[in-house]
């Protein structure tokens, strides 16, 4: 059961996506689900995640993604607590999400399938 505020997904820069996927498949037996030419989700890695190979959308470092049952309410709480929104709520093939920086400068995201 997914709960608001819990780590749910990790997104990594993908670089040369076919090469990246081949490495993780061979080295660690990960499996992948492709979502277009620049994104592949990984499975059987202990935690769900994906590789973003689009240089305009790829995170600059690993991106921890939290889940929310109510995205707007979570955004409001994050801002009130001091988050700096780096990407307002937007849609993607799996749902909607927003990105923020915490007071230490770490970028995280929050997503919802609702």
C-alpha atoms as a PDB file:
ATOM      1  CA  UNK A   1       0.000   0.000   0.000  1.00  0.00           C
ATOM      2  CA  UNK A   2       1.414   3.361  -1.013  1.00  0.00           C
ATOM      3  CA  UNK A   3       1.452   6.106   1.597  1.00  0.00           C
ATOM      4  CA  UNK A   4       1.966   9.831   1.290  1.00  0.00           C
ATOM      5  CA  UNK A   5       5.542  10.934   1.966  1.00  0.00           C
ATOM      6  CA  UNK A   6       7.171   7.507   1.566  1.00  0.00           C
ATOM      7  CA  UNK A   7      10.025   6.929  -0.883  1.00  0.00           C
ATOM      8  CA  UNK A   8       8.477   5.212  -3.889  1.00  0.00           C
ATOM      9  CA  UNK A   9      10.829   5.590  -6.858  1.00  0.00           C
ATOM     10  CA  UNK A  10      14.345   6.702  -7.787  1.00  0.00           C
ATOM     11  CA  UNK A  11      15.138   8.289 -11.146  1.00  0.00           C
ATOM     12  CA  UNK A  12      18.694   8.308 -12.462  1.00  0.00           C
ATOM     13  CA  UNK A  13      20.361  10.050 -15.401  1.00  0.00           C
ATOM     14  CA  UNK A  14      20.294   7.623 -18.328  1.00  0.00           C
ATOM     15  CA  UNK A  15      23.078   8.816 -20.628  1.00  0.00           C
ATOM     16  CA  UNK A  16      23.415   6.348 -23.508  1.00  0.00           C
ATOM     17  CA  UNK A  17      20.223   4.477 -22.614  1.00  0.00           C
ATOM     18  CA  UNK A  18      20.843   1.225 -24.542  1.00  0.00           C
ATOM     19  CA  UNK A  19      24.350   0.986 -23.047  1.00  0.00           C
ATOM     20  CA  UNK A  20      23.062   1.814 -19.542  1.00  0.00           C
ATOM     21  CA  UNK A  21      20.313  -0.807 -19.774  1.00  0.00           C
ATOM     22  CA  UNK A  22      22.736  -3.437 -21.109  1.00  0.00           C
ATOM     23  CA  UNK A  23      25.110  -2.786 -18.210  1.00  0.00           C
ATOM     24  CA  UNK A  24      22.475  -3.183 -15.481  1.00  0.00           C
ATOM     25  CA  UNK A  25      20.905  -6.198 -17.189  1.00  0.00           C
ATOM     26  CA  UNK A  26      24.243  -7.977 -17.442  1.00  0.00           C
ATOM     27  CA  UNK A  27      25.728  -6.925 -14.121  1.00  0.00           C
ATOM     28  CA  UNK A  28      22.643  -7.168 -11.893  1.00  0.00           C
ATOM     29  CA  UNK A  29      19.938  -8.931 -13.959  1.00  0.00           C
ATOM     30  CA  UNK A  30      17.598  -5.943 -13.882  1.00  0.00           C
ATOM     31  CA  UNK A  31      14.651  -5.938 -16.298  1.00  0.00           C
ATOM     32  CA  UNK A  32      13.270  -2.852 -18.044  1.00  0.00           C
ATOM     33  CA  UNK A  33      10.029  -1.384 -19.339  1.00  0.00           C
ATOM     34  CA  UNK A  34      10.574   1.227 -22.050  1.00  0.00           C
ATOM     35  CA  UNK A  35       8.435   4.366 -22.084  1.00  0.00           C
ATOM     36  CA  UNK A  36       9.600   5.869 -25.357  1.00  0.00           C
ATOM     37  CA  UNK A  37      13.124   6.276 -26.692  1.00  0.00           C
ATOM     38  CA  UNK A  38      14.514   8.254 -23.746  1.00  0.00           C
ATOM     39  CA  UNK A  39      13.023   6.580 -20.655  1.00  0.00           C
ATOM     40  CA  UNK A  40      13.251   3.090 -19.222  1.00  0.00           C
ATOM     41  CA  UNK A  41      11.872   1.985 -15.863  1.00  0.00           C
ATOM     42  CA  UNK A  42      13.812  -0.719 -14.070  1.00  0.00           C
ATOM     43  CA  UNK A  43      12.450  -3.733 -12.220  1.00  0.00           C
ATOM     44  CA  UNK A  44      13.890  -6.371  -9.889  1.00  0.00           C
ATOM     45  CA  UNK A  45      16.328  -3.839  -8.420  1.00  0.00           C
ATOM     46  CA  UNK A  46      14.997  -3.785  -4.847  1.00  0.00           C
ATOM     47  CA  UNK A  47      13.277  -0.420  -5.393  1.00  0.00           C
ATOM     48  CA  UNK A  48      11.386   0.779  -8.451  1.00  0.00           C
ATOM     49  CA  UNK A  49      13.043   3.432 -10.561  1.00  0.00           C
ATOM     50  CA  UNK A  50      14.029   4.502 -14.013  1.00  0.00           C
ATOM     51  CA  UNK A  51      16.654   6.041 -16.263  1.00  0.00           C
ATOM     52  CA  UNK A  52      15.955   9.371 -17.982  1.00  0.00           C
ATOM     53  CA  UNK A  53      18.132   9.797 -21.085  1.00  0.00           C
ATOM     54  CA  UNK A  54      16.589  13.020 -22.420  1.00  0.00           C
ATOM     55  CA  UNK A  55      19.303  15.579 -21.609  1.00  0.00           C
ATOM     56  CA  UNK A  56      16.700  18.319 -21.159  1.00  0.00           C
ATOM     57  CA  UNK A  57      14.728  16.271 -18.607  1.00  0.00           C
ATOM     58  CA  UNK A  58      17.398  14.109 -16.916  1.00  0.00           C
ATOM     59  CA  UNK A  59      18.073  14.856 -13.257  1.00  0.00           C
ATOM     60  CA  UNK A  60      21.569  16.172 -12.501  1.00  0.00           C
ATOM     61  CA  UNK A  61      21.915  13.522  -9.790  1.00  0.00           C
ATOM     62  CA  UNK A  62      19.744  10.637  -8.543  1.00  0.00           C
ATOM     63  CA  UNK A  63      16.212  11.892  -7.993  1.00  0.00           C
ATOM     64  CA  UNK A  64      14.322  10.423  -5.037  1.00  0.00           C
ATOM     65  CA  UNK A  65      10.593  10.420  -5.708  1.00  0.00           C
ATOM     66  CA  UNK A  66       8.011  10.341  -2.923  1.00  0.00           C
ATOM     67  CA  UNK A  67       4.395   9.261  -3.317  1.00  0.00           C
ATOM     68  CA  UNK A  68       1.345  11.358  -2.431  1.00  0.00           C
ATOM     69  CA  UNK A  69      -2.332  10.504  -2.234  1.00  0.00           C
ATOM     70  CA  UNK A  70      -3.153  14.247  -2.623  1.00  0.00           C
ATOM     71  CA  UNK A  71      -0.543  16.019  -4.733  1.00  0.00           C
ATOM     72  CA  UNK A  72      -1.896  19.535  -4.252  1.00  0.00           C
ATOM     73  CA  UNK A  73      -2.051  19.175  -0.463  1.00  0.00           C
ATOM     74  CA  UNK A  74       1.478  17.749  -0.375  1.00  0.00           C
ATOM     75  CA  UNK A  75       2.761  20.631  -2.520  1.00  0.00           C
ATOM     76  CA  UNK A  76       1.152  23.113  -0.148  1.00  0.00           C
ATOM     77  CA  UNK A  77       2.689  21.414   2.927  1.00  0.00           C
ATOM     78  CA  UNK A  78       6.133  21.291   1.285  1.00  0.00           C
ATOM     79  CA  UNK A  79       6.047  25.004   0.429  1.00  0.00           C
ATOM     80  CA  UNK A  80       4.853  25.889   3.925  1.00  0.00           C
ATOM     81  CA  UNK A  81       7.750  23.861   5.379  1.00  0.00           C
ATOM     82  CA  UNK A  82      10.289  25.768   3.259  1.00  0.00           C
ATOM     83  CA  UNK A  83      10.597  23.852  -0.031  1.00  0.00           C
ATOM     84  CA  UNK A  84      11.555  25.749  -3.183  1.00  0.00           C
ATOM     85  CA  UNK A  85       9.477  24.423  -6.092  1.00  0.00           C
ATOM     86  CA  UNK A  86      11.744  23.685  -9.070  1.00  0.00           C
ATOM     87  CA  UNK A  87       9.017  22.200 -11.320  1.00  0.00           C
ATOM     88  CA  UNK A  88       5.318  22.851 -10.647  1.00  0.00           C
ATOM     89  CA  UNK A  89       2.811  20.006 -10.999  1.00  0.00           C
ATOM     90  CA  UNK A  90       2.967  18.441 -14.458  1.00  0.00           C
ATOM     91  CA  UNK A  91       1.600  15.309 -16.114  1.00  0.00           C
ATOM     92  CA  UNK A  92       3.689  12.367 -17.317  1.00  0.00           C
ATOM     93  CA  UNK A  93       2.688   8.904 -18.614  1.00  0.00           C
ATOM     94  CA  UNK A  94       2.320   7.459 -15.087  1.00  0.00           C
ATOM     95  CA  UNK A  95       0.431  10.311 -13.429  1.00  0.00           C
ATOM     96  CA  UNK A  96       1.406  13.782 -12.184  1.00  0.00           C
ATOM     97  CA  UNK A  97       4.308  15.132 -10.134  1.00  0.00           C
ATOM     98  CA  UNK A  98       6.231  18.176  -8.961  1.00  0.00           C
ATOM     99  CA  UNK A  99       9.888  18.756  -8.050  1.00  0.00           C
ATOM    100  CA  UNK A 100      11.297  20.720  -5.131  1.00  0.00           C
ATOM    101  CA  UNK A 101      14.530  21.581  -3.351  1.00  0.00           C
ATOM    102  CA  UNK A 102      14.790  21.016   0.367  1.00  0.00           C
ATOM    103  CA  UNK A 103      16.608  23.532   2.615  1.00  0.00           C
ATOM    104  CA  UNK A 104      19.904  21.671   2.022  1.00  0.00           C
ATOM    105  CA  UNK A 105      19.578  22.036  -1.758  1.00  0.00           C
ATOM    106  CA  UNK A 106      18.627  18.418  -2.502  1.00  0.00           C
ATOM    107  CA  UNK A 107      16.143  18.037  -5.340  1.00  0.00           C
ATOM    108  CA  UNK A 108      13.320  15.545  -4.810  1.00  0.00           C
ATOM    109  CA  UNK A 109       9.986  14.935  -6.528  1.00  0.00           C
ATOM    110  CA  UNK A 110       6.526  13.915  -5.379  1.00  0.00           C
ATOM    111  CA  UNK A 111       4.194  11.960  -7.664  1.00  0.00           C
ATOM    112  CA  UNK A 112       0.630  10.710  -7.621  1.00  0.00           C
ATOM    113  CA  UNK A 113      -1.360   8.380  -9.814  1.00  0.00           C
ATOM    114  CA  UNK A 114      -4.534  10.161  -8.703  1.00  0.00           C
END
